[in-house]
Amino acid sequence: MLKDVIKEEREEQDLSLSELARRCGHAVSTLHAIESGDNSNPSYRTIADICAALGLSLDELERRTQKNESDKLSQ
């Protein structure tokens, strides 16, 4: 799922929610809502900003999200 990929990437880069929020220009509460699943449909702009802050292309995010969902279905 999208939330899992974003959280995994943030943690791999050893970034706090606060630091990611500062880098992408969105509130910590927005990022927390995405990672916790409370906001399962964030805007394209928000996702694009998060990807840019993480150095992740939108294509890579989609590929990893689809792989993550496929892996969960096969468990």
PDB file of N, CA and C in Angstrom:
ATOM      1  N   MET A   1       0.837  -1.185   0.000  1.00  0.00           N
ATOM      2  CA  MET A   1       0.000   0.000   0.000  1.00  0.00           C
ATOM      3  C   MET A   1       0.879   1.244   0.000  1.00  0.00           C
ATOM      4  N   LEU A   2       0.314   2.314  -0.462  1.00  0.00           N
ATOM      5  CA  LEU A   2       1.018   3.592  -0.549  1.00  0.00           C
ATOM      6  C   LEU A   2       1.615   3.995   0.789  1.00  0.00           C
ATOM      7  N   LYS A   3       0.819   3.892   1.838  1.00  0.00           N
ATOM      8  CA  LYS A   3       1.268   4.315   3.162  1.00  0.00           C
ATOM      9  C   LYS A   3       2.499   3.537   3.609  1.00  0.00           C
ATOM     10  N   ASP A   4       2.529   2.251   3.293  1.00  0.00           N
ATOM     11  CA  ASP A   4       3.653   1.406   3.695  1.00  0.00           C
ATOM     12  C   ASP A   4       4.933   1.791   2.955  1.00  0.00           C
ATOM     13  N   VAL A   5       4.816   2.052   1.671  1.00  0.00           N
ATOM     14  CA  VAL A   5       5.990   2.409   0.880  1.00  0.00           C
ATOM     15  C   VAL A   5       6.569   3.745   1.351  1.00  0.00           C
ATOM     16  N   ILE A   6       5.709   4.709   1.606  1.00  0.00           N
ATOM     17  CA  ILE A   6       6.189   6.012   2.073  1.00  0.00           C
ATOM     18  C   ILE A   6       6.877   5.863   3.431  1.00  0.00           C
ATOM     19  N   LYS A   7       6.256   5.150   4.336  1.00  0.00           N
ATOM     20  CA  LYS A   7       6.848   4.977   5.665  1.00  0.00           C
ATOM     21  C   LYS A   7       8.167   4.217   5.580  1.00  0.00           C
ATOM     22  N   GLU A   8       8.202   3.139   4.798  1.00  0.00           N
ATOM     23  CA  GLU A   8       9.434   2.357   4.649  1.00  0.00           C
ATOM     24  C   GLU A   8      10.563   3.226   4.104  1.00  0.00           C
ATOM     25  N   GLU A   9      10.272   4.004   3.076  1.00  0.00           N
ATOM     26  CA  GLU A   9      11.300   4.851   2.470  1.00  0.00           C
ATOM     27  C   GLU A   9      11.772   5.920   3.453  1.00  0.00           C
ATOM     28  N   ARG A  10      10.845   6.516   4.167  1.00  0.00           N
ATOM     29  CA  ARG A  10      11.206   7.539   5.164  1.00  0.00           C
ATOM     30  C   ARG A  10      12.115   6.938   6.233  1.00  0.00           C
ATOM     31  N   GLU A  11      11.753   5.761   6.714  1.00  0.00           N
ATOM     32  CA  GLU A  11      12.551   5.113   7.755  1.00  0.00           C
ATOM     33  C   GLU A  11      13.907   4.646   7.225  1.00  0.00           C
ATOM     34  N   GLU A  12      13.953   4.167   5.968  1.00  0.00           N
ATOM     35  CA  GLU A  12      15.229   3.770   5.367  1.00  0.00           C
ATOM     36  C   GLU A  12      16.184   4.960   5.292  1.00  0.00           C
ATOM     37  N   GLN A  13      15.634   6.144   5.081  1.00  0.00           N
ATOM     38  CA  GLN A  13      16.453   7.359   5.003  1.00  0.00           C
ATOM     39  C   GLN A  13      16.670   7.984   6.379  1.00  0.00           C
ATOM     40  N   ASP A  14      16.158   7.306   7.414  1.00  0.00           N
ATOM     41  CA  ASP A  14      16.308   7.761   8.795  1.00  0.00           C
ATOM     42  C   ASP A  14      15.773   9.187   8.988  1.00  0.00           C
ATOM     43  N   LEU A  15      14.587   9.426   8.397  1.00  0.00           N
ATOM     44  CA  LEU A  15      13.937  10.729   8.523  1.00  0.00           C
ATOM     45  C   LEU A  15      12.767  10.640   9.492  1.00  0.00           C
ATOM     46  N   SER A  16      12.636  11.643  10.322  1.00  0.00           N
ATOM     47  CA  SER A  16      11.452  11.735  11.181  1.00  0.00           C
ATOM     48  C   SER A  16      10.313  12.301  10.346  1.00  0.00           C
ATOM     49  N   LEU A  17       9.106  12.167  10.853  1.00  0.00           N
ATOM     50  CA  LEU A  17       7.962  12.801  10.181  1.00  0.00           C
ATOM     51  C   LEU A  17       8.172  14.305  10.101  1.00  0.00           C
ATOM     52  N   SER A  18       8.731  14.893  11.150  1.00  0.00           N
ATOM     53  CA  SER A  18       8.971  16.341  11.169  1.00  0.00           C
ATOM     54  C   SER A  18       9.924  16.765  10.065  1.00  0.00           C
ATOM     55  N   GLU A  19      10.986  15.995   9.885  1.00  0.00           N
ATOM     56  CA  GLU A  19      11.969  16.347   8.852  1.00  0.00           C
ATOM     57  C   GLU A  19      11.377  16.179   7.466  1.00  0.00           C
ATOM     58  N   LEU A  20      10.631  15.105   7.247  1.00  0.00           N
ATOM     59  CA  LEU A  20       9.991  14.925   5.945  1.00  0.00           C
ATOM     60  C   LEU A  20       8.988  16.044   5.689  1.00  0.00           C
ATOM     61  N   ALA A  21       8.240  16.418   6.721  1.00  0.00           N
ATOM     62  CA  ALA A  21       7.276  17.521   6.580  1.00  0.00           C
ATOM     63  C   ALA A  21       7.988  18.815   6.189  1.00  0.00           C
ATOM     64  N   ARG A  22       9.110  19.084   6.826  1.00  0.00           N
ATOM     65  CA  ARG A  22       9.875  20.286   6.504  1.00  0.00           C
ATOM     66  C   ARG A  22      10.352  20.243   5.058  1.00  0.00           C
ATOM     67  N   ARG A  23      10.837  19.096   4.628  1.00  0.00           N
ATOM     68  CA  ARG A  23      11.372  18.957   3.271  1.00  0.00           C
ATOM     69  C   ARG A  23      10.301  19.042   2.189  1.00  0.00           C
ATOM     70  N   CYS A  24       9.125  18.497   2.473  1.00  0.00           N
ATOM     71  CA  CYS A  24       8.096  18.461   1.422  1.00  0.00           C
ATOM     72  C   CYS A  24       7.097  19.610   1.505  1.00  0.00           C
ATOM     73  N   GLY A  25       7.111  20.333   2.630  1.00  0.00           N
ATOM     74  CA  GLY A  25       6.236  21.500   2.742  1.00  0.00           C
ATOM     75  C   GLY A  25       4.810  21.184   3.161  1.00  0.00           C
ATOM     76  N   HIS A  26       4.605  20.022   3.771  1.00  0.00           N
ATOM     77  CA  HIS A  26       3.273  19.653   4.253  1.00  0.00           C
ATOM     78  C   HIS A  26       3.332  19.439   5.756  1.00  0.00           C
ATOM     79  N   ALA A  27       2.202  19.545   6.404  1.00  0.00           N
ATOM     80  CA  ALA A  27       2.139  19.425   7.859  1.00  0.00           C
ATOM     81  C   ALA A  27       2.449  17.996   8.310  1.00  0.00           C
ATOM     82  N   VAL A  28       3.040  17.890   9.480  1.00  0.00           N
ATOM     83  CA  VAL A  28       3.292  16.583  10.081  1.00  0.00           C
ATOM     84  C   VAL A  28       1.987  15.798  10.171  1.00  0.00           C
ATOM     85  N   SER A  29       0.906  16.478  10.522  1.00  0.00           N
ATOM     86  CA  SER A  29      -0.382  15.792  10.650  1.00  0.00           C
ATOM     87  C   SER A  29      -0.837  15.188   9.318  1.00  0.00           C
ATOM     88  N   THR A  30      -0.524  15.849   8.221  1.00  0.00           N
ATOM     89  CA  THR A  30      -0.866  15.321   6.897  1.00  0.00           C
ATOM     90  C   THR A  30      -0.098  14.038   6.629  1.00  0.00           C
ATOM     91  N   LEU A  31       1.198  14.061   6.917  1.00  0.00           N
ATOM     92  CA  LEU A  31       2.032  12.883   6.691  1.00  0.00           C
ATOM     93  C   LEU A  31       1.636  11.738   7.621  1.00  0.00           C
ATOM     94  N   HIS A  32       1.344  12.085   8.861  1.00  0.00           N
ATOM     95  CA  HIS A  32       0.920  11.061   9.821  1.00  0.00           C
ATOM     96  C   HIS A  32      -0.378  10.403   9.355  1.00  0.00           C
ATOM     97  N   ALA A  33      -1.308  11.209   8.864  1.00  0.00           N
ATOM     98  CA  ALA A  33      -2.585  10.669   8.385  1.00  0.00           C
ATOM     99  C   ALA A  33      -2.375   9.714   7.209  1.00  0.00           C
ATOM    100  N   ILE A  34      -1.422  10.026   6.341  1.00  0.00           N
ATOM    101  CA  ILE A  34      -1.136   9.147   5.206  1.00  0.00           C
ATOM    102  C   ILE A  34      -0.520   7.849   5.700  1.00  0.00           C
ATOM    103  N   GLU A  35       0.506   7.947   6.544  1.00  0.00           N
ATOM    104  CA  GLU A  35       1.204   6.752   7.020  1.00  0.00           C
ATOM    105  C   GLU A  35       0.334   5.863   7.906  1.00  0.00           C
ATOM    106  N   SER A  36      -0.599   6.455   8.616  1.00  0.00           N
ATOM    107  CA  SER A  36      -1.456   5.654   9.503  1.00  0.00           C
ATOM    108  C   SER A  36      -2.666   5.081   8.769  1.00  0.00           C
ATOM    109  N   GLY A  37      -2.903   5.542   7.548  1.00  0.00           N
ATOM    110  CA  GLY A  37      -4.037   5.055   6.778  1.00  0.00           C
ATOM    111  C   GLY A  37      -5.299   5.870   6.967  1.00  0.00           C
ATOM    112  N   ASP A  38      -5.228   6.918   7.794  1.00  0.00           N
ATOM    113  CA  ASP A  38      -6.403   7.777   7.985  1.00  0.00           C
ATOM    114  C   ASP A  38      -6.724   8.569   6.723  1.00  0.00           C
ATOM    115  N   ASN A  39      -5.694   8.847   5.909  1.00  0.00           N
ATOM    116  CA  ASN A  39      -5.901   9.500   4.621  1.00  0.00           C
ATOM    117  C   ASN A  39      -5.383   8.543   3.560  1.00  0.00           C
ATOM    118  N   SER A  40      -6.270   7.738   3.018  1.00  0.00           N
ATOM    119  CA  SER A  40      -5.866   6.748   2.019  1.00  0.00           C
ATOM    120  C   SER A  40      -5.940   7.281   0.596  1.00  0.00           C
ATOM    121  N   ASN A  41      -6.324   8.540   0.443  1.00  0.00           N
ATOM    122  CA  ASN A  41      -6.439   9.127  -0.885  1.00  0.00           C
ATOM    123  C   ASN A  41      -5.885  10.558  -0.889  1.00  0.00           C
ATOM    124  N   PRO A  42      -4.576  10.707  -0.618  1.00  0.00           N
ATOM    125  CA  PRO A  42      -3.999  12.054  -0.617  1.00  0.00           C
ATOM    126  C   PRO A  42      -3.968  12.623  -2.031  1.00  0.00           C
ATOM    127  N   SER A  43      -3.861  13.929  -2.117  1.00  0.00           N
ATOM    128  CA  SER A  43      -3.849  14.579  -3.429  1.00  0.00           C
ATOM    129  C   SER A  43      -2.568  14.238  -4.186  1.00  0.00           C
ATOM    130  N   TYR A  44      -2.656  14.356  -5.489  1.00  0.00           N
ATOM    131  CA  TYR A  44      -1.493  14.121  -6.355  1.00  0.00           C
ATOM    132  C   TYR A  44      -0.354  15.045  -5.953  1.00  0.00           C
ATOM    133  N   ARG A  45      -0.665  16.303  -5.695  1.00  0.00           N
ATOM    134  CA  ARG A  45       0.357  17.290  -5.325  1.00  0.00           C
ATOM    135  C   ARG A  45       1.082  16.858  -4.048  1.00  0.00           C
ATOM    136  N   THR A  46       0.334  16.390  -3.073  1.00  0.00           N
ATOM    137  CA  THR A  46       0.942  15.942  -1.816  1.00  0.00           C
ATOM    138  C   THR A  46       1.880  14.774  -2.065  1.00  0.00           C
ATOM    139  N   ILE A  47       1.430  13.803  -2.829  1.00  0.00           N
ATOM    140  CA  ILE A  47       2.267  12.640  -3.135  1.00  0.00           C
ATOM    141  C   ILE A  47       3.503  13.060  -3.928  1.00  0.00           C
ATOM    142  N   ALA A  48       3.332  13.937  -4.902  1.00  0.00           N
ATOM    143  CA  ALA A  48       4.471  14.403  -5.694  1.00  0.00           C
ATOM    144  C   ALA A  48       5.482  15.122  -4.808  1.00  0.00           C
ATOM    145  N   ASP A  49       5.011  15.924  -3.868  1.00  0.00           N
ATOM    146  CA  ASP A  49       5.909  16.643  -2.955  1.00  0.00           C
ATOM    147  C   ASP A  49       6.657  15.674  -2.038  1.00  0.00           C
ATOM    148  N   ILE A  50       5.960  14.661  -1.543  1.00  0.00           N
ATOM    149  CA  ILE A  50       6.598  13.660  -0.683  1.00  0.00           C
ATOM    150  C   ILE A  50       7.654  12.895  -1.475  1.00  0.00           C
ATOM    151  N   CYS A  51       7.314  12.490  -2.678  1.00  0.00           N
ATOM    152  CA  CYS A  51       8.279  11.773  -3.520  1.00  0.00           C
ATOM    153  C   CYS A  51       9.521  12.621  -3.774  1.00  0.00           C
ATOM    154  N   ALA A  52       9.326  13.883  -4.099  1.00  0.00           N
ATOM    155  CA  ALA A  52      10.466  14.768  -4.352  1.00  0.00           C
ATOM    156  C   ALA A  52      11.347  14.879  -3.106  1.00  0.00           C
ATOM    157  N   ALA A  53      10.731  14.988  -1.950  1.00  0.00           N
ATOM    158  CA  ALA A  53      11.483  15.109  -0.695  1.00  0.00           C
ATOM    159  C   ALA A  53      12.248  13.825  -0.382  1.00  0.00           C
ATOM    160  N   LEU A  54      11.719  12.694  -0.811  1.00  0.00           N
ATOM    161  CA  LEU A  54      12.373  11.402  -0.568  1.00  0.00           C
ATOM    162  C   LEU A  54      13.323  11.003  -1.693  1.00  0.00           C
ATOM    163  N   GLY A  55      13.339  11.790  -2.775  1.00  0.00           N
ATOM    164  CA  GLY A  55      14.174  11.443  -3.920  1.00  0.00           C
ATOM    165  C   GLY A  55      13.666  10.209  -4.646  1.00  0.00           C
ATOM    166  N   LEU A  56      12.354  10.079  -4.667  1.00  0.00           N
ATOM    167  CA  LEU A  56      11.686   8.916  -5.237  1.00  0.00           C
ATOM    168  C   LEU A  56      10.820   9.385  -6.396  1.00  0.00           C
ATOM    169  N   SER A  57      10.948   8.738  -7.551  1.00  0.00           N
ATOM    170  CA  SER A  57      10.090   9.119  -8.677  1.00  0.00           C
ATOM    171  C   SER A  57       8.682   8.596  -8.441  1.00  0.00           C
ATOM    172  N   LEU A  58       7.718   9.220  -9.079  1.00  0.00           N
ATOM    173  CA  LEU A  58       6.339   8.744  -8.979  1.00  0.00           C
ATOM    174  C   LEU A  58       6.213   7.339  -9.573  1.00  0.00           C
ATOM    175  N   ASP A  59       6.965   7.064 -10.638  1.00  0.00           N
ATOM    176  CA  ASP A  59       6.950   5.733 -11.240  1.00  0.00           C
ATOM    177  C   ASP A  59       7.464   4.678 -10.259  1.00  0.00           C
ATOM    178  N   GLU A  60       8.540   5.010  -9.551  1.00  0.00           N
ATOM    179  CA  GLU A  60       9.098   4.073  -8.572  1.00  0.00           C
ATOM    180  C   GLU A  60       8.116   3.861  -7.425  1.00  0.00           C
ATOM    181  N   LEU A  61       7.482   4.924  -6.976  1.00  0.00           N
ATOM    182  CA  LEU A  61       6.490   4.802  -5.910  1.00  0.00           C
ATOM    183  C   LEU A  61       5.360   3.869  -6.345  1.00  0.00           C
ATOM    184  N   GLU A  62       4.869   4.055  -7.549  1.00  0.00           N
ATOM    185  CA  GLU A  62       3.779   3.201  -8.034  1.00  0.00           C
ATOM    186  C   GLU A  62       4.233   1.750  -8.161  1.00  0.00           C
ATOM    187  N   ARG A  63       5.431   1.531  -8.700  1.00  0.00           N
ATOM    188  CA  ARG A  63       5.947   0.170  -8.849  1.00  0.00           C
ATOM    189  C   ARG A  63       6.052  -0.516  -7.491  1.00  0.00           C
ATOM    190  N   ARG A  64       6.611   0.182  -6.521  1.00  0.00           N
ATOM    191  CA  ARG A  64       6.773  -0.404  -5.186  1.00  0.00           C
ATOM    192  C   ARG A  64       5.435  -0.611  -4.486  1.00  0.00           C
ATOM    193  N   THR A  65       4.487   0.293  -4.715  1.00  0.00           N
ATOM    194  CA  THR A  65       3.154   0.147  -4.128  1.00  0.00           C
ATOM    195  C   THR A  65       2.460  -1.086  -4.695  1.00  0.00           C
ATOM    196  N   GLN A  66       2.535  -1.258  -5.998  1.00  0.00           N
ATOM    197  CA  GLN A  66       1.909  -2.425  -6.630  1.00  0.00           C
ATOM    198  C   GLN A  66       2.573  -3.717  -6.174  1.00  0.00           C
ATOM    199  N   LYS A  67       3.896  -3.725  -6.059  1.00  0.00           N
ATOM    200  CA  LYS A  67       4.617  -4.904  -5.588  1.00  0.00           C
ATOM    201  C   LYS A  67       4.215  -5.217  -4.150  1.00  0.00           C
ATOM    202  N   ASN A  68       4.135  -4.180  -3.322  1.00  0.00           N
ATOM    203  CA  ASN A  68       3.763  -4.342  -1.928  1.00  0.00           C
ATOM    204  C   ASN A  68       2.372  -4.953  -1.817  1.00  0.00           C
ATOM    205  N   GLU A  69       1.424  -4.454  -2.592  1.00  0.00           N
ATOM    206  CA  GLU A  69       0.056  -4.972  -2.570  1.00  0.00           C
ATOM    207  C   GLU A  69       0.007  -6.409  -3.088  1.00  0.00           C
ATOM    208  N   SER A  70       0.783  -6.700  -4.128  1.00  0.00           N
ATOM    209  CA  SER A  70       0.836  -8.054  -4.678  1.00  0.00           C
ATOM    210  C   SER A  70       1.422  -9.021  -3.654  1.00  0.00           C
ATOM    211  N   ASP A  71       2.475  -8.597  -2.974  1.00  0.00           N
ATOM    212  CA  ASP A  71       3.091  -9.434  -1.943  1.00  0.00           C
ATOM    213  C   ASP A  71       2.113  -9.734  -0.820  1.00  0.00           C
ATOM    214  N   LYS A  72       1.329  -8.755  -0.414  1.00  0.00           N
ATOM    215  CA  LYS A  72       0.368  -8.960   0.665  1.00  0.00           C
ATOM    216  C   LYS A  72      -0.745  -9.910   0.255  1.00  0.00           C
ATOM    217  N   LEU A  73      -1.147  -9.852  -1.008  1.00  0.00           N
ATOM    218  CA  LEU A  73      -2.209 -10.739  -1.482  1.00  0.00           C
ATOM    219  C   LEU A  73      -1.742 -12.188  -1.543  1.00  0.00           C
ATOM    220  N   SER A  74      -0.465 -12.405  -1.814  1.00  0.00           N
ATOM    221  CA  SER A  74       0.048 -13.765  -1.946  1.00  0.00           C
ATOM    222  C   SER A  74       0.431 -14.400  -0.607  1.00  0.00           C
ATOM    223  N   GLN A  75       0.282 -13.660   0.473  1.00  0.00           N
ATOM    224  CA  GLN A  75       0.614 -14.216   1.798  1.00  0.00           C
ATOM    225  C   GLN A  75      -0.521 -15.018   2.360  1.00  0.00           C
TER     226      GLN A  75
END
